[in-house]
Amino acid sequence: MKFVGLDYHQSRSSICVLDQGGNKVFTREVKGSWATVVEEFKKIKNSTSEPVSVCFEATCGCGHLYDRLLPVVDRVAVADPAQVRRMFRSKRKNDRADALKLAQALLINQVPAVYVPSLSVREWRGLIVFRSRLVSKRTRVKNEIRSLLRNSGAIAPRGLWTKKGMHWLEREAELPEGSRLRLDLCLFELSNLQLQLKRVEKELNRRARRHPGVMLLKTIPGIGVRTAEALVAYIDDPDRFHRKTIGAYLGLIPCQDQSGDHNHLGHITKQGPAVVRKLLVEASWMAVRKSKTVRAYFDRIVGTDPDRRKIAIVATAHYLARVSLSLLQHNECWLEKTEREAA
């Protein structure tokens, strides 16, 4: 068995090869794109009759490299960079040293591996994140328009973003010349963002209709197609999670500092996919209004202290994440509890 550590970059990568006994076979620097790196691994595989395992860290583009190397070598492992740094605490850091560390982690079978989804799932996740960024841009443009109107003393009608309100902005809003120019440019940008969102959501809807998991999660009160598709895309394989680990993956559990009798719980970790966490919290407010079961859970966390509403809504988001995972694992729809069961 040959154990290969790879520290890759866009134009230059380092490769370290160890044998079964942990002896360094060779260290090599490869200049060129990822295609050059793949060709180098083909040479390594052809030069030996032993199986070849390779390990590299999860960074931008790791999924593409994983797909390219999988048919070339016998095993491909993608390591969590943060855990690799904790494993090998050293003040000496360079590309060759990093490649050696990854090869050594393979050798002792202690690679902190991360899950690599398929290309279609990565594309789905990319569209979800892209839509979220478009929505944020649209919100910033709308806030800019509102600020511009206030500073110009213009009284906006109710329903500013309706068809009637947009007509008022385009034709009837009386503004100074400079403010009028800024408003026209903001409206042009807003129109472009609306067209982009429409196109992205059309593709997302097409993908959502093809996945039965999205239909299952939409049966949960408060969860719409956007939240359901984000959960399904980022969970991907439900069997890789336990109900006690899904919250940690989504960053919905509190930071903990425990020693002896002292146990301090802080803010949530906010690790994992932020887009799913944001959508879940938004869906939780809707679920509290629509479902007696969710409302009972929310009220139990709030208790008699109204200042705990923010804590309770995050806890409710964690609850909905656990429920979503359970529905996906058991292929079941949401069933509303009776008032007595909900309490």
C-alpha atoms as a PDB file:
ATOM      1  CA  MET A   1       0.000   0.000   0.000  1.00  0.00           C
ATOM      2  CA  LYS A   2       1.235   3.476  -0.909  1.00  0.00           C
ATOM      3  CA  PHE A   3      -0.034   6.388   1.176  1.00  0.00           C
ATOM      4  CA  VAL A   4      -0.015   9.718  -0.631  1.00  0.00           C
ATOM      5  CA  GLY A   5      -0.545  13.132   0.938  1.00  0.00           C
ATOM      6  CA  LEU A   6      -1.527  15.916  -1.444  1.00  0.00           C
ATOM      7  CA  ASP A   7      -1.387  19.627  -0.663  1.00  0.00           C
ATOM      8  CA  TYR A   8      -2.923  21.103  -3.807  1.00  0.00           C
ATOM      9  CA  HIS A   9      -3.233  24.629  -5.129  1.00  0.00           C
ATOM     10  CA  GLN A  10      -4.422  26.089  -8.403  1.00  0.00           C
ATOM     11  CA  SER A  11      -0.978  26.305 -10.008  1.00  0.00           C
ATOM     12  CA  ARG A  12       1.328  24.290  -7.743  1.00  0.00           C
ATOM     13  CA  SER A  13       0.881  21.215  -5.565  1.00  0.00           C
ATOM     14  CA  SER A  14       3.042  19.076  -3.285  1.00  0.00           C
ATOM     15  CA  ILE A  15       2.912  15.270  -3.153  1.00  0.00           C
ATOM     16  CA  CYS A  16       4.402  13.054  -0.430  1.00  0.00           C
ATOM     17  CA  VAL A  17       4.404   9.242  -0.776  1.00  0.00           C
ATOM     18  CA  LEU A  18       4.932   6.863   2.171  1.00  0.00           C
ATOM     19  CA  ASP A  19       5.226   3.087   2.083  1.00  0.00           C
ATOM     20  CA  GLN A  20       3.606   0.551   4.434  1.00  0.00           C
ATOM     21  CA  GLY A  21       6.358   1.032   7.008  1.00  0.00           C
ATOM     22  CA  GLY A  22       5.999   4.804   7.099  1.00  0.00           C
ATOM     23  CA  ASN A  23       9.192   5.428   5.131  1.00  0.00           C
ATOM     24  CA  LYS A  24       9.202   8.332   2.722  1.00  0.00           C
ATOM     25  CA  VAL A  25       9.339   7.046  -0.870  1.00  0.00           C
ATOM     26  CA  PHE A  26       9.580  10.485  -2.446  1.00  0.00           C
ATOM     27  CA  THR A  27       8.342  14.056  -2.200  1.00  0.00           C
ATOM     28  CA  ARG A  28       7.518  15.911  -5.363  1.00  0.00           C
ATOM     29  CA  GLU A  29       6.288  19.340  -6.374  1.00  0.00           C
ATOM     30  CA  VAL A  30       3.918  19.447  -9.338  1.00  0.00           C
ATOM     31  CA  LYS A  31       3.505  22.688 -11.267  1.00  0.00           C
ATOM     32  CA  GLY A  32       0.340  23.081 -13.271  1.00  0.00           C
ATOM     33  CA  SER A  33      -3.420  22.764 -13.011  1.00  0.00           C
ATOM     34  CA  TRP A  34      -5.418  19.905 -11.463  1.00  0.00           C
ATOM     35  CA  ALA A  35      -5.234  18.026 -14.749  1.00  0.00           C
ATOM     36  CA  THR A  36      -1.445  17.873 -14.268  1.00  0.00           C
ATOM     37  CA  VAL A  37      -1.953  16.545 -10.731  1.00  0.00           C
ATOM     38  CA  VAL A  38      -4.260  13.804 -12.022  1.00  0.00           C
ATOM     39  CA  GLU A  39      -1.682  12.804 -14.647  1.00  0.00           C
ATOM     40  CA  GLU A  40       0.956  12.606 -11.907  1.00  0.00           C
ATOM     41  CA  PHE A  41      -1.220  10.204  -9.922  1.00  0.00           C
ATOM     42  CA  LYS A  42      -1.703   8.057 -13.001  1.00  0.00           C
ATOM     43  CA  LYS A  43       2.097   7.747 -13.190  1.00  0.00           C
ATOM     44  CA  ILE A  44       2.289   6.816  -9.501  1.00  0.00           C
ATOM     45  CA  LYS A  45      -0.420   4.175  -9.924  1.00  0.00           C
ATOM     46  CA  ASN A  46       1.247   2.700 -13.037  1.00  0.00           C
ATOM     47  CA  SER A  47       4.662   2.571 -11.356  1.00  0.00           C
ATOM     48  CA  THR A  48       3.557   0.236  -8.552  1.00  0.00           C
ATOM     49  CA  SER A  49       1.529  -2.935  -8.184  1.00  0.00           C
ATOM     50  CA  GLU A  50       0.389  -1.911  -4.690  1.00  0.00           C
ATOM     51  CA  PRO A  51      -2.891  -0.104  -3.922  1.00  0.00           C
ATOM     52  CA  VAL A  52      -2.615   3.676  -3.754  1.00  0.00           C
ATOM     53  CA  SER A  53      -4.490   5.846  -1.249  1.00  0.00           C
ATOM     54  CA  VAL A  54      -4.514   9.642  -1.406  1.00  0.00           C
ATOM     55  CA  CYS A  55      -5.591  12.262   1.110  1.00  0.00           C
ATOM     56  CA  PHE A  56      -6.059  16.009   0.691  1.00  0.00           C
ATOM     57  CA  GLU A  57      -7.811  18.747   2.640  1.00  0.00           C
ATOM     58  CA  ALA A  58     -11.329  20.001   1.979  1.00  0.00           C
ATOM     59  CA  THR A  59     -11.010  23.413   0.350  1.00  0.00           C
ATOM     60  CA  CYS A  60     -12.604  25.202  -2.580  1.00  0.00           C
ATOM     61  CA  GLY A  61     -12.806  22.832  -5.534  1.00  0.00           C
ATOM     62  CA  CYS A  62     -12.126  19.666  -3.535  1.00  0.00           C
ATOM     63  CA  GLY A  63     -15.248  17.989  -4.955  1.00  0.00           C
ATOM     64  CA  HIS A  64     -14.002  18.346  -8.536  1.00  0.00           C
ATOM     65  CA  LEU A  65     -10.583  16.938  -7.619  1.00  0.00           C
ATOM     66  CA  TYR A  66     -12.247  14.084  -5.700  1.00  0.00           C
ATOM     67  CA  ASP A  67     -14.247  13.124  -8.803  1.00  0.00           C
ATOM     68  CA  ARG A  68     -11.138  13.276 -10.997  1.00  0.00           C
ATOM     69  CA  LEU A  69      -8.971  11.127  -8.699  1.00  0.00           C
ATOM     70  CA  LEU A  70     -11.576   8.521  -7.741  1.00  0.00           C
ATOM     71  CA  PRO A  71     -11.208   6.435 -10.941  1.00  0.00           C
ATOM     72  CA  VAL A  72      -7.400   6.761 -10.886  1.00  0.00           C
ATOM     73  CA  VAL A  73      -6.415   5.537  -7.392  1.00  0.00           C
ATOM     74  CA  ASP A  74      -7.804   2.923  -5.007  1.00  0.00           C
ATOM     75  CA  ARG A  75      -8.956   5.260  -2.238  1.00  0.00           C
ATOM     76  CA  VAL A  76      -9.537   9.012  -1.951  1.00  0.00           C
ATOM     77  CA  ALA A  77      -9.981  10.642   1.478  1.00  0.00           C
ATOM     78  CA  VAL A  78     -10.877  14.293   2.013  1.00  0.00           C
ATOM     79  CA  ALA A  79      -9.772  15.631   5.407  1.00  0.00           C
ATOM     80  CA  ASP A  80     -11.215  18.372   7.598  1.00  0.00           C
ATOM     81  CA  PRO A  81      -8.510  21.123   7.654  1.00  0.00           C
ATOM     82  CA  ALA A  82      -9.380  22.299  11.182  1.00  0.00           C
ATOM     83  CA  GLN A  83      -9.060  18.810  12.660  1.00  0.00           C
ATOM     84  CA  VAL A  84      -5.823  18.158  10.758  1.00  0.00           C
ATOM     85  CA  ARG A  85      -4.319  21.274  12.356  1.00  0.00           C
ATOM     86  CA  ARG A  86      -5.390  20.054  15.791  1.00  0.00           C
ATOM     87  CA  MET A  87      -3.878  16.613  15.135  1.00  0.00           C
ATOM     88  CA  PHE A  88      -0.490  17.955  14.034  1.00  0.00           C
ATOM     89  CA  ARG A  89       0.351  20.916  16.214  1.00  0.00           C
ATOM     90  CA  SER A  90       3.478  22.364  14.686  1.00  0.00           C
ATOM     91  CA  LYS A  91       4.943  25.826  14.147  1.00  0.00           C
ATOM     92  CA  ARG A  92       6.527  24.643  10.906  1.00  0.00           C
ATOM     93  CA  LYS A  93       4.028  24.910   8.077  1.00  0.00           C
ATOM     94  CA  ASN A  94       4.715  24.640   4.366  1.00  0.00           C
ATOM     95  CA  ASP A  95       3.288  22.680   1.447  1.00  0.00           C
ATOM     96  CA  ARG A  96       5.706  19.760   1.778  1.00  0.00           C
ATOM     97  CA  ALA A  97       5.134  19.474   5.516  1.00  0.00           C
ATOM     98  CA  ASP A  98       1.359  19.560   5.009  1.00  0.00           C
ATOM     99  CA  ALA A  99       1.528  16.799   2.379  1.00  0.00           C
ATOM    100  CA  LEU A 100       3.609  14.676   4.795  1.00  0.00           C
ATOM    101  CA  LYS A 101       1.047  15.164   7.588  1.00  0.00           C
ATOM    102  CA  LEU A 102      -1.787  14.039   5.345  1.00  0.00           C
ATOM    103  CA  ALA A 103       0.155  10.951   4.254  1.00  0.00           C
ATOM    104  CA  GLN A 104       0.891  10.106   7.903  1.00  0.00           C
ATOM    105  CA  ALA A 105      -2.804  10.485   8.808  1.00  0.00           C
ATOM    106  CA  LEU A 106      -3.598   7.965   6.050  1.00  0.00           C
ATOM    107  CA  LEU A 107      -0.890   5.605   7.274  1.00  0.00           C
ATOM    108  CA  ILE A 108      -2.269   5.410  10.833  1.00  0.00           C
ATOM    109  CA  ASN A 109      -5.867   5.396   9.555  1.00  0.00           C
ATOM    110  CA  GLN A 110      -6.748   8.559  11.477  1.00  0.00           C
ATOM    111  CA  VAL A 111      -7.949  10.827   8.660  1.00  0.00           C
ATOM    112  CA  PRO A 112     -10.685  13.217   9.934  1.00  0.00           C
ATOM    113  CA  ALA A 113     -12.706  12.568   6.787  1.00  0.00           C
ATOM    114  CA  VAL A 114     -15.518  14.790   5.542  1.00  0.00           C
ATOM    115  CA  TYR A 115     -18.497  13.766   3.447  1.00  0.00           C
ATOM    116  CA  VAL A 116     -18.205  14.542  -0.271  1.00  0.00           C
ATOM    117  CA  PRO A 117     -21.609  14.681  -2.016  1.00  0.00           C
ATOM    118  CA  SER A 118     -22.140  13.819  -5.653  1.00  0.00           C
ATOM    119  CA  LEU A 119     -21.735  16.388  -8.421  1.00  0.00           C
ATOM    120  CA  SER A 120     -25.506  16.833  -8.823  1.00  0.00           C
ATOM    121  CA  VAL A 121     -25.933  17.539  -5.102  1.00  0.00           C
ATOM    122  CA  ARG A 122     -23.023  20.002  -5.125  1.00  0.00           C
ATOM    123  CA  GLU A 123     -24.644  21.787  -8.061  1.00  0.00           C
ATOM    124  CA  TRP A 124     -27.962  21.844  -6.179  1.00  0.00           C
ATOM    125  CA  ARG A 125     -26.317  23.313  -3.088  1.00  0.00           C
ATOM    126  CA  GLY A 126     -24.565  25.916  -5.233  1.00  0.00           C
ATOM    127  CA  LEU A 127     -27.889  27.078  -6.687  1.00  0.00           C
ATOM    128  CA  ILE A 128     -29.417  27.322  -3.197  1.00  0.00           C
ATOM    129  CA  VAL A 129     -26.551  29.483  -1.940  1.00  0.00           C
ATOM    130  CA  PHE A 130     -26.623  31.583  -5.116  1.00  0.00           C
ATOM    131  CA  ARG A 131     -30.345  32.263  -4.659  1.00  0.00           C
ATOM    132  CA  SER A 132     -29.748  33.266  -1.043  1.00  0.00           C
ATOM    133  CA  ARG A 133     -27.125  35.789  -2.143  1.00  0.00           C
ATOM    134  CA  LEU A 134     -29.465  37.197  -4.792  1.00  0.00           C
ATOM    135  CA  VAL A 135     -32.166  37.660  -2.148  1.00  0.00           C
ATOM    136  CA  SER A 136     -29.660  39.497   0.084  1.00  0.00           C
ATOM    137  CA  LYS A 137     -28.688  41.771  -2.818  1.00  0.00           C
ATOM    138  CA  ARG A 138     -32.349  42.485  -3.558  1.00  0.00           C
ATOM    139  CA  THR A 139     -32.940  43.393   0.088  1.00  0.00           C
ATOM    140  CA  ARG A 140     -29.987  45.806   0.044  1.00  0.00           C
ATOM    141  CA  VAL A 141     -31.324  47.506  -3.109  1.00  0.00           C
ATOM    142  CA  LYS A 142     -34.804  47.863  -1.582  1.00  0.00           C
ATOM    143  CA  ASN A 143     -33.314  49.364   1.572  1.00  0.00           C
ATOM    144  CA  GLU A 144     -31.308  51.784  -0.573  1.00  0.00           C
ATOM    145  CA  ILE A 145     -34.493  52.904  -2.328  1.00  0.00           C
ATOM    146  CA  ARG A 146     -36.329  53.421   0.961  1.00  0.00           C
ATOM    147  CA  SER A 147     -33.394  55.412   2.337  1.00  0.00           C
ATOM    148  CA  LEU A 148     -33.284  57.538  -0.808  1.00  0.00           C
ATOM    149  CA  LEU A 149     -37.009  58.344  -0.526  1.00  0.00           C
ATOM    150  CA  ARG A 150     -36.726  59.304   3.135  1.00  0.00           C
ATOM    151  CA  ASN A 151     -33.732  61.571   2.522  1.00  0.00           C
ATOM    152  CA  SER A 152     -35.603  63.269  -0.340  1.00  0.00           C
ATOM    153  CA  GLY A 153     -38.768  63.794   1.713  1.00  0.00           C
ATOM    154  CA  ALA A 154     -40.891  61.686  -0.639  1.00  0.00           C
ATOM    155  CA  ILE A 155     -43.883  59.942   0.947  1.00  0.00           C
ATOM    156  CA  ALA A 156     -44.040  56.412  -0.429  1.00  0.00           C
ATOM    157  CA  PRO A 157     -47.448  54.739  -0.811  1.00  0.00           C
ATOM    158  CA  ARG A 158     -48.310  51.524   0.955  1.00  0.00           C
ATOM    159  CA  GLY A 159     -47.349  48.394  -0.926  1.00  0.00           C
ATOM    160  CA  LEU A 160     -44.225  49.942  -2.410  1.00  0.00           C
ATOM    161  CA  TRP A 161     -43.093  46.701  -4.082  1.00  0.00           C
ATOM    162  CA  THR A 162     -46.458  45.897  -5.648  1.00  0.00           C
ATOM    163  CA  LYS A 163     -47.218  46.685  -9.281  1.00  0.00           C
ATOM    164  CA  LYS A 164     -48.903  49.949  -8.249  1.00  0.00           C
ATOM    165  CA  GLY A 165     -45.993  50.922  -6.002  1.00  0.00           C
ATOM    166  CA  MET A 166     -43.408  50.210  -8.697  1.00  0.00           C
ATOM    167  CA  HIS A 167     -45.408  52.351 -11.141  1.00  0.00           C
ATOM    168  CA  TRP A 168     -45.273  55.206  -8.617  1.00  0.00           C
ATOM    169  CA  LEU A 169     -41.508  54.826  -8.247  1.00  0.00           C
ATOM    170  CA  GLU A 170     -40.933  54.809 -11.994  1.00  0.00           C
ATOM    171  CA  ARG A 171     -43.324  57.582 -13.069  1.00  0.00           C
ATOM    172  CA  GLU A 172     -44.737  59.638 -10.222  1.00  0.00           C
ATOM    173  CA  ALA A 173     -42.092  59.973  -7.492  1.00  0.00           C
ATOM    174  CA  GLU A 174     -40.978  63.632  -7.386  1.00  0.00           C
ATOM    175  CA  LEU A 175     -37.267  63.695  -6.583  1.00  0.00           C
ATOM    176  CA  PRO A 176     -34.316  66.020  -7.200  1.00  0.00           C
ATOM    177  CA  GLU A 177     -32.299  65.302 -10.333  1.00  0.00           C
ATOM    178  CA  GLY A 178     -29.453  63.466  -8.571  1.00  0.00           C
ATOM    179  CA  SER A 179     -31.816  61.375  -6.469  1.00  0.00           C
ATOM    180  CA  ARG A 180     -33.896  60.556  -9.557  1.00  0.00           C
ATOM    181  CA  LEU A 181     -30.781  59.179 -11.273  1.00  0.00           C
ATOM    182  CA  ARG A 182     -29.919  57.042  -8.247  1.00  0.00           C
ATOM    183  CA  LEU A 183     -33.503  55.769  -8.059  1.00  0.00           C
ATOM    184  CA  ASP A 184     -33.549  54.840 -11.758  1.00  0.00           C
ATOM    185  CA  LEU A 185     -30.289  52.901 -11.384  1.00  0.00           C
ATOM    186  CA  CYS A 186     -31.591  51.135  -8.271  1.00  0.00           C
ATOM    187  CA  LEU A 187     -34.801  50.186 -10.079  1.00  0.00           C
ATOM    188  CA  PHE A 188     -32.766  48.868 -13.011  1.00  0.00           C
ATOM    189  CA  GLU A 189     -30.670  46.757 -10.634  1.00  0.00           C
ATOM    190  CA  LEU A 190     -33.790  45.547  -8.826  1.00  0.00           C
ATOM    191  CA  SER A 191     -35.360  44.493 -12.126  1.00  0.00           C
ATOM    192  CA  ASN A 192     -32.238  42.528 -13.084  1.00  0.00           C
ATOM    193  CA  LEU A 193     -32.162  40.802  -9.699  1.00  0.00           C
ATOM    194  CA  GLN A 194     -35.832  39.843 -10.049  1.00  0.00           C
ATOM    195  CA  LEU A 195     -35.127  38.268 -13.449  1.00  0.00           C
ATOM    196  CA  GLN A 196     -32.133  36.358 -12.074  1.00  0.00           C
ATOM    197  CA  LEU A 197     -34.155  35.116  -9.109  1.00  0.00           C
ATOM    198  CA  LYS A 198     -36.955  33.983 -11.385  1.00  0.00           C
ATOM    199  CA  ARG A 199     -34.533  31.992 -13.504  1.00  0.00           C
ATOM    200  CA  VAL A 200     -32.773  30.395 -10.523  1.00  0.00           C
ATOM    201  CA  GLU A 201     -36.035  29.517  -8.779  1.00  0.00           C
ATOM    202  CA  LYS A 202     -37.368  27.934 -11.956  1.00  0.00           C
ATOM    203  CA  GLU A 203     -34.404  25.533 -11.956  1.00  0.00           C
ATOM    204  CA  LEU A 204     -34.700  24.935  -8.194  1.00  0.00           C
ATOM    205  CA  ASN A 205     -38.405  24.147  -8.556  1.00  0.00           C
ATOM    206  CA  ARG A 206     -37.609  21.655 -11.306  1.00  0.00           C
ATOM    207  CA  ARG A 207     -35.125  19.862  -9.061  1.00  0.00           C
ATOM    208  CA  ALA A 208     -37.448  20.013  -6.031  1.00  0.00           C
ATOM    209  CA  ARG A 209     -40.334  18.384  -7.923  1.00  0.00           C
ATOM    210  CA  ARG A 210     -38.086  15.429  -8.782  1.00  0.00           C
ATOM    211  CA  HIS A 211     -37.072  14.725  -5.164  1.00  0.00           C
ATOM    212  CA  PRO A 212     -39.582  12.928  -2.892  1.00  0.00           C
ATOM    213  CA  GLY A 213     -37.775  14.164   0.224  1.00  0.00           C
ATOM    214  CA  VAL A 214     -38.750  17.756  -0.550  1.00  0.00           C
ATOM    215  CA  MET A 215     -42.405  16.730  -0.767  1.00  0.00           C
ATOM    216  CA  LEU A 216     -42.133  14.974   2.608  1.00  0.00           C
ATOM    217  CA  LEU A 217     -40.641  17.981   4.396  1.00  0.00           C
ATOM    218  CA  LYS A 218     -43.219  20.353   2.916  1.00  0.00           C
ATOM    219  CA  THR A 219     -45.826  18.550   5.037  1.00  0.00           C
ATOM    220  CA  ILE A 220     -44.251  20.141   8.135  1.00  0.00           C
ATOM    221  CA  PRO A 221     -46.174  23.329   9.023  1.00  0.00           C
ATOM    222  CA  GLY A 222     -44.124  26.440   8.223  1.00  0.00           C
ATOM    223  CA  ILE A 223     -41.628  24.710   5.958  1.00  0.00           C
ATOM    224  CA  GLY A 224     -41.938  25.711   2.325  1.00  0.00           C
ATOM    225  CA  VAL A 225     -40.178  24.503  -0.776  1.00  0.00           C
ATOM    226  CA  ARG A 226     -37.064  26.675  -0.271  1.00  0.00           C
ATOM    227  CA  THR A 227     -36.423  25.424   3.281  1.00  0.00           C
ATOM    228  CA  ALA A 228     -37.290  21.835   2.363  1.00  0.00           C
ATOM    229  CA  GLU A 229     -34.922  21.735  -0.617  1.00  0.00           C
ATOM    230  CA  ALA A 230     -32.083  23.239   1.447  1.00  0.00           C
ATOM    231  CA  LEU A 231     -32.524  20.595   4.168  1.00  0.00           C
ATOM    232  CA  VAL A 232     -32.681  17.755   1.656  1.00  0.00           C
ATOM    233  CA  ALA A 233     -29.662  18.993  -0.317  1.00  0.00           C
ATOM    234  CA  TYR A 234     -27.414  19.462   2.717  1.00  0.00           C
ATOM    235  CA  ILE A 235     -28.526  16.337   4.589  1.00  0.00           C
ATOM    236  CA  ASP A 236     -28.246  14.343   1.323  1.00  0.00           C
ATOM    237  CA  ASP A 237     -27.881  10.903   2.928  1.00  0.00           C
ATOM    238  CA  PRO A 238     -30.086  10.858   6.080  1.00  0.00           C
ATOM    239  CA  ASP A 239     -28.448   7.686   7.403  1.00  0.00           C
ATOM    240  CA  ARG A 240     -25.149   9.500   7.992  1.00  0.00           C
ATOM    241  CA  PHE A 241     -26.782  11.500  10.811  1.00  0.00           C
ATOM    242  CA  HIS A 242     -28.273  10.752  14.214  1.00  0.00           C
ATOM    243  CA  ARG A 243     -30.952  12.946  15.744  1.00  0.00           C
ATOM    244  CA  LYS A 244     -28.326  14.148  18.258  1.00  0.00           C
ATOM    245  CA  THR A 245     -25.808  15.144  15.569  1.00  0.00           C
ATOM    246  CA  ILE A 246     -27.945  17.006  13.021  1.00  0.00           C
ATOM    247  CA  GLY A 247     -28.031  20.108  15.232  1.00  0.00           C
ATOM    248  CA  ALA A 248     -24.243  20.188  15.484  1.00  0.00           C
ATOM    249  CA  TYR A 249     -23.945  19.874  11.697  1.00  0.00           C
ATOM    250  CA  LEU A 250     -26.255  22.866  11.200  1.00  0.00           C
ATOM    251  CA  GLY A 251     -24.602  24.932  13.951  1.00  0.00           C
ATOM    252  CA  LEU A 252     -27.741  25.055  16.107  1.00  0.00           C
ATOM    253  CA  ILE A 253     -26.214  23.736  19.344  1.00  0.00           C
ATOM    254  CA  PRO A 254     -24.693  26.065  21.977  1.00  0.00           C
ATOM    255  CA  CYS A 255     -20.983  26.454  22.574  1.00  0.00           C
ATOM    256  CA  GLN A 256     -20.021  24.583  25.741  1.00  0.00           C
ATOM    257  CA  ASP A 257     -17.307  25.146  28.335  1.00  0.00           C
ATOM    258  CA  GLN A 258     -17.550  22.372  30.915  1.00  0.00           C
ATOM    259  CA  SER A 259     -15.081  21.467  33.656  1.00  0.00           C
ATOM    260  CA  GLY A 260     -16.049  19.682  36.853  1.00  0.00           C
ATOM    261  CA  ASP A 261     -19.214  21.199  38.271  1.00  0.00           C
ATOM    262  CA  HIS A 262     -18.900  24.234  35.987  1.00  0.00           C
ATOM    263  CA  ASN A 263     -20.884  23.983  32.758  1.00  0.00           C
ATOM    264  CA  HIS A 264     -21.309  27.171  30.727  1.00  0.00           C
ATOM    265  CA  LEU A 265     -23.462  27.160  27.596  1.00  0.00           C
ATOM    266  CA  GLY A 266     -22.958  30.117  25.259  1.00  0.00           C
ATOM    267  CA  HIS A 267     -24.275  31.201  21.880  1.00  0.00           C
ATOM    268  CA  ILE A 268     -24.858  28.651  19.136  1.00  0.00           C
ATOM    269  CA  THR A 269     -21.755  27.530  17.247  1.00  0.00           C
ATOM    270  CA  LYS A 270     -23.008  28.753  13.822  1.00  0.00           C
ATOM    271  CA  GLN A 271     -20.940  26.060  12.125  1.00  0.00           C
ATOM    272  CA  GLY A 272     -22.087  24.316   8.982  1.00  0.00           C
ATOM    273  CA  PRO A 273     -24.305  25.679   6.190  1.00  0.00           C
ATOM    274  CA  ALA A 274     -25.508  29.164   7.169  1.00  0.00           C
ATOM    275  CA  VAL A 275     -28.149  29.210   4.433  1.00  0.00           C
ATOM    276  CA  VAL A 276     -29.971  26.209   5.955  1.00  0.00           C
ATOM    277  CA  ARG A 277     -29.749  27.656   9.464  1.00  0.00           C
ATOM    278  CA  LYS A 278     -31.224  30.978   8.306  1.00  0.00           C
ATOM    279  CA  LEU A 279     -34.088  29.327   6.431  1.00  0.00           C
ATOM    280  CA  LEU A 280     -34.872  27.048   9.387  1.00  0.00           C
ATOM    281  CA  VAL A 281     -35.132  29.971  11.802  1.00  0.00           C
ATOM    282  CA  GLU A 282     -37.436  31.824   9.395  1.00  0.00           C
ATOM    283  CA  ALA A 283     -39.557  28.695   8.969  1.00  0.00           C
ATOM    284  CA  SER A 284     -39.757  28.290  12.757  1.00  0.00           C
ATOM    285  CA  TRP A 285     -41.635  31.573  13.164  1.00  0.00           C
ATOM    286  CA  MET A 286     -44.191  30.354  10.615  1.00  0.00           C
ATOM    287  CA  ALA A 287     -44.411  26.919  12.252  1.00  0.00           C
ATOM    288  CA  VAL A 288     -45.110  28.469  15.657  1.00  0.00           C
ATOM    289  CA  ARG A 289     -48.134  30.246  14.171  1.00  0.00           C
ATOM    290  CA  LYS A 290     -49.409  27.304  12.109  1.00  0.00           C
ATOM    291  CA  SER A 291     -48.871  24.248  14.334  1.00  0.00           C
ATOM    292  CA  LYS A 292     -50.147  23.600  17.856  1.00  0.00           C
ATOM    293  CA  THR A 293     -47.393  21.027  18.326  1.00  0.00           C
ATOM    294  CA  VAL A 294     -44.608  23.462  17.463  1.00  0.00           C
ATOM    295  CA  ARG A 295     -46.303  26.248  19.425  1.00  0.00           C
ATOM    296  CA  ALA A 296     -46.397  24.063  22.536  1.00  0.00           C
ATOM    297  CA  TYR A 297     -42.683  23.310  22.167  1.00  0.00           C
ATOM    298  CA  PHE A 298     -41.915  27.021  21.703  1.00  0.00           C
ATOM    299  CA  ASP A 299     -44.020  28.067  24.717  1.00  0.00           C
ATOM    300  CA  ARG A 300     -42.361  25.459  26.920  1.00  0.00           C
ATOM    301  CA  ILE A 301     -38.925  26.954  26.164  1.00  0.00           C
ATOM    302  CA  VAL A 302     -40.126  30.536  26.664  1.00  0.00           C
ATOM    303  CA  GLY A 303     -41.847  29.723  29.942  1.00  0.00           C
ATOM    304  CA  THR A 304     -42.757  32.903  31.800  1.00  0.00           C
ATOM    305  CA  ASP A 305     -39.797  34.926  30.510  1.00  0.00           C
ATOM    306  CA  PRO A 306     -40.548  36.827  27.250  1.00  0.00           C
ATOM    307  CA  ASP A 307     -36.823  37.570  26.885  1.00  0.00           C
ATOM    308  CA  ARG A 308     -36.318  33.895  26.018  1.00  0.00           C
ATOM    309  CA  ARG A 309     -38.204  34.157  22.713  1.00  0.00           C
ATOM    310  CA  LYS A 310     -34.996  34.320  20.654  1.00  0.00           C
ATOM    311  CA  ILE A 311     -33.558  31.347  22.517  1.00  0.00           C
ATOM    312  CA  ALA A 312     -36.837  29.499  22.024  1.00  0.00           C
ATOM    313  CA  ILE A 313     -36.998  30.135  18.270  1.00  0.00           C
ATOM    314  CA  VAL A 314     -33.467  28.759  17.781  1.00  0.00           C
ATOM    315  CA  ALA A 315     -34.410  25.729  19.888  1.00  0.00           C
ATOM    316  CA  THR A 316     -37.510  25.340  17.705  1.00  0.00           C
ATOM    317  CA  ALA A 317     -35.327  25.452  14.577  1.00  0.00           C
ATOM    318  CA  HIS A 318     -33.231  22.661  16.120  1.00  0.00           C
ATOM    319  CA  TYR A 319     -36.441  20.733  16.813  1.00  0.00           C
ATOM    320  CA  LEU A 320     -37.602  21.115  13.203  1.00  0.00           C
ATOM    321  CA  ALA A 321     -34.193  19.913  11.991  1.00  0.00           C
ATOM    322  CA  ARG A 322     -34.531  16.750  14.098  1.00  0.00           C
ATOM    323  CA  VAL A 323     -38.083  16.211  12.874  1.00  0.00           C
ATOM    324  CA  SER A 324     -36.994  16.685   9.249  1.00  0.00           C
ATOM    325  CA  LEU A 325     -34.218  14.130   9.650  1.00  0.00           C
ATOM    326  CA  SER A 326     -36.636  11.626  11.197  1.00  0.00           C
ATOM    327  CA  LEU A 327     -39.153  12.064   8.368  1.00  0.00           C
ATOM    328  CA  LEU A 328     -36.442  11.515   5.756  1.00  0.00           C
ATOM    329  CA  GLN A 329     -35.068   8.443   7.545  1.00  0.00           C
ATOM    330  CA  HIS A 330     -38.461   6.789   7.975  1.00  0.00           C
ATOM    331  CA  ASN A 331     -40.074   8.124   4.769  1.00  0.00           C
ATOM    332  CA  GLU A 332     -43.044   9.495   6.695  1.00  0.00           C
ATOM    333  CA  CYS A 333     -45.148  12.663   6.556  1.00  0.00           C
ATOM    334  CA  TRP A 334     -45.731  15.098   9.394  1.00  0.00           C
ATOM    335  CA  LEU A 335     -48.526  14.138  11.787  1.00  0.00           C
ATOM    336  CA  GLU A 336     -49.907  16.840  14.079  1.00  0.00           C
ATOM    337  CA  LYS A 337     -50.109  15.773  17.713  1.00  0.00           C
ATOM    338  CA  THR A 338     -53.183  16.243  19.840  1.00  0.00           C
ATOM    339  CA  GLU A 339     -53.166  19.141  22.315  1.00  0.00           C
ATOM    340  CA  ARG A 340     -52.405  16.785  25.197  1.00  0.00           C
ATOM    341  CA  GLU A 341     -49.474  15.143  23.340  1.00  0.00           C
ATOM    342  CA  ALA A 342     -48.127  18.530  22.212  1.00  0.00           C
ATOM    343  CA  ALA A 343     -48.130  19.830  25.804  1.00  0.00           C
END
